[in-house]
Amino acid sequence: MKPHEQAFVDSFVKGERRERVMAALASTKKRRKFVGELAHHGTYILEPNCLRRIEPSQQNPDSINAILRGQGAPDTC
């Protein structure tokens, strides 16, 4: 697992799911399945306090950048 992946897991994945997520990311076969699952049904994996609803009209790079900046995101995030 790469350092940025570990940081993602530590920061955004629910504590009781971290071990499973780290194992999935470390496995080539399970990684592919996990990434697909996260992209489509990942809310049960992530910490609820880290989730923000983005209105469909704002689901574009410029709007998402503005939302992240408004939340205090640095230049690179």
C-alpha atoms as a PDB file:
ATOM      1  CA  MET A   1       0.000   0.000   0.000  1.00  0.00           C
ATOM      2  CA  LYS A   2       1.263   3.465  -0.867  1.00  0.00           C
ATOM      3  CA  PRO A   3       1.697   6.180   1.807  1.00  0.00           C
ATOM      4  CA  HIS A   4      -1.145   8.319   0.428  1.00  0.00           C
ATOM      5  CA  GLU A   5      -3.464   5.301   0.543  1.00  0.00           C
ATOM      6  CA  GLN A   6      -2.568   4.698   4.173  1.00  0.00           C
ATOM      7  CA  ALA A   7      -3.258   8.373   4.923  1.00  0.00           C
ATOM      8  CA  PHE A   8      -6.644   8.083   3.166  1.00  0.00           C
ATOM      9  CA  VAL A   9      -7.583   5.022   5.228  1.00  0.00           C
ATOM     10  CA  ASP A  10      -6.432   6.639   8.481  1.00  0.00           C
ATOM     11  CA  SER A  11      -8.303   9.868   7.757  1.00  0.00           C
ATOM     12  CA  PHE A  12     -11.544   8.831   6.089  1.00  0.00           C
ATOM     13  CA  VAL A  13     -12.370   5.152   6.685  1.00  0.00           C
ATOM     14  CA  LYS A  14     -14.442   4.092   9.687  1.00  0.00           C
ATOM     15  CA  GLY A  15     -12.255   2.589  12.399  1.00  0.00           C
ATOM     16  CA  GLU A  16     -13.934  -0.822  12.370  1.00  0.00           C
ATOM     17  CA  ARG A  17     -13.417  -1.105   8.589  1.00  0.00           C
ATOM     18  CA  ARG A  18      -9.792   0.043   8.345  1.00  0.00           C
ATOM     19  CA  GLU A  19      -8.186  -3.384   8.615  1.00  0.00           C
ATOM     20  CA  ARG A  20     -10.429  -4.813   5.886  1.00  0.00           C
ATOM     21  CA  VAL A  21      -9.815  -1.824   3.610  1.00  0.00           C
ATOM     22  CA  MET A  22      -6.035  -2.027   4.090  1.00  0.00           C
ATOM     23  CA  ALA A  23      -6.120  -5.743   3.217  1.00  0.00           C
ATOM     24  CA  ALA A  24      -8.206  -5.044   0.111  1.00  0.00           C
ATOM     25  CA  LEU A  25      -5.839  -2.314  -1.072  1.00  0.00           C
ATOM     26  CA  ALA A  26      -2.853  -4.619  -0.576  1.00  0.00           C
ATOM     27  CA  SER A  27      -4.370  -7.358  -2.788  1.00  0.00           C
ATOM     28  CA  THR A  28      -4.436  -6.895  -6.563  1.00  0.00           C
ATOM     29  CA  LYS A  29      -7.664  -8.878  -6.930  1.00  0.00           C
ATOM     30  CA  LYS A  30      -9.478  -7.405  -3.915  1.00  0.00           C
ATOM     31  CA  ARG A  31      -8.210  -3.884  -4.667  1.00  0.00           C
ATOM     32  CA  ARG A  32     -10.094  -3.707  -7.975  1.00  0.00           C
ATOM     33  CA  LYS A  33     -13.321  -4.900  -6.341  1.00  0.00           C
ATOM     34  CA  PHE A  34     -12.910  -2.518  -3.389  1.00  0.00           C
ATOM     35  CA  VAL A  35     -12.260   0.539  -5.581  1.00  0.00           C
ATOM     36  CA  GLY A  36     -15.394  -0.205  -7.598  1.00  0.00           C
ATOM     37  CA  GLU A  37     -17.424  -0.693  -4.447  1.00  0.00           C
ATOM     38  CA  LEU A  38     -16.107   2.524  -2.915  1.00  0.00           C
ATOM     39  CA  ALA A  39     -16.933   4.495  -6.054  1.00  0.00           C
ATOM     40  CA  HIS A  40     -20.552   3.335  -6.128  1.00  0.00           C
ATOM     41  CA  HIS A  41     -21.578   2.330  -2.590  1.00  0.00           C
ATOM     42  CA  GLY A  42     -18.828   3.651  -0.348  1.00  0.00           C
ATOM     43  CA  THR A  43     -20.813   5.605   2.190  1.00  0.00           C
ATOM     44  CA  TYR A  44     -20.879   2.664   4.619  1.00  0.00           C
ATOM     45  CA  ILE A  45     -17.061   2.555   4.525  1.00  0.00           C
ATOM     46  CA  LEU A  46     -16.353   6.245   5.107  1.00  0.00           C
ATOM     47  CA  GLU A  47     -16.645   8.311   8.284  1.00  0.00           C
ATOM     48  CA  PRO A  48     -20.015  10.115   8.139  1.00  0.00           C
ATOM     49  CA  ASN A  49     -18.487  13.375   9.390  1.00  0.00           C
ATOM     50  CA  CYS A  50     -16.240  13.412   6.282  1.00  0.00           C
ATOM     51  CA  LEU A  51     -19.107  13.176   3.787  1.00  0.00           C
ATOM     52  CA  ARG A  52     -20.662  16.204   2.115  1.00  0.00           C
ATOM     53  CA  ARG A  53     -23.505  16.148  -0.373  1.00  0.00           C
ATOM     54  CA  ILE A  54     -22.697  17.959  -3.603  1.00  0.00           C
ATOM     55  CA  GLU A  55     -25.657  19.136  -5.632  1.00  0.00           C
ATOM     56  CA  PRO A  56     -25.691  17.817  -9.220  1.00  0.00           C
ATOM     57  CA  SER A  57     -25.240  21.328 -10.597  1.00  0.00           C
ATOM     58  CA  GLN A  58     -21.981  21.609  -8.608  1.00  0.00           C
ATOM     59  CA  GLN A  59     -20.528  18.239  -9.604  1.00  0.00           C
ATOM     60  CA  ASN A  60     -17.756  19.639 -11.770  1.00  0.00           C
ATOM     61  CA  PRO A  61     -14.066  20.331 -11.050  1.00  0.00           C
ATOM     62  CA  ASP A  62     -14.347  24.110 -10.545  1.00  0.00           C
ATOM     63  CA  SER A  63     -17.286  23.866  -8.159  1.00  0.00           C
ATOM     64  CA  ILE A  64     -15.758  20.978  -6.224  1.00  0.00           C
ATOM     65  CA  ASN A  65     -12.503  22.933  -5.915  1.00  0.00           C
ATOM     66  CA  ALA A  66     -14.441  25.913  -4.527  1.00  0.00           C
ATOM     67  CA  ILE A  67     -16.268  23.668  -2.043  1.00  0.00           C
ATOM     68  CA  LEU A  68     -13.002  22.078  -0.878  1.00  0.00           C
ATOM     69  CA  ARG A  69     -11.339  25.491  -0.524  1.00  0.00           C
ATOM     70  CA  GLY A  70     -14.342  26.687   1.472  1.00  0.00           C
ATOM     71  CA  GLN A  71     -13.813  23.730   3.814  1.00  0.00           C
ATOM     72  CA  GLY A  72     -10.184  24.782   4.344  1.00  0.00           C
ATOM     73  CA  ALA A  73      -8.446  22.506   1.833  1.00  0.00           C
ATOM     74  CA  PRO A  74      -4.850  23.454   0.954  1.00  0.00           C
ATOM     75  CA  ASP A  75      -3.563  24.189  -2.566  1.00  0.00           C
ATOM     76  CA  THR A  76      -3.087  20.480  -3.188  1.00  0.00           C
ATOM     77  CA  CYS A  77      -5.580  17.997  -1.849  1.00  0.00           C
END
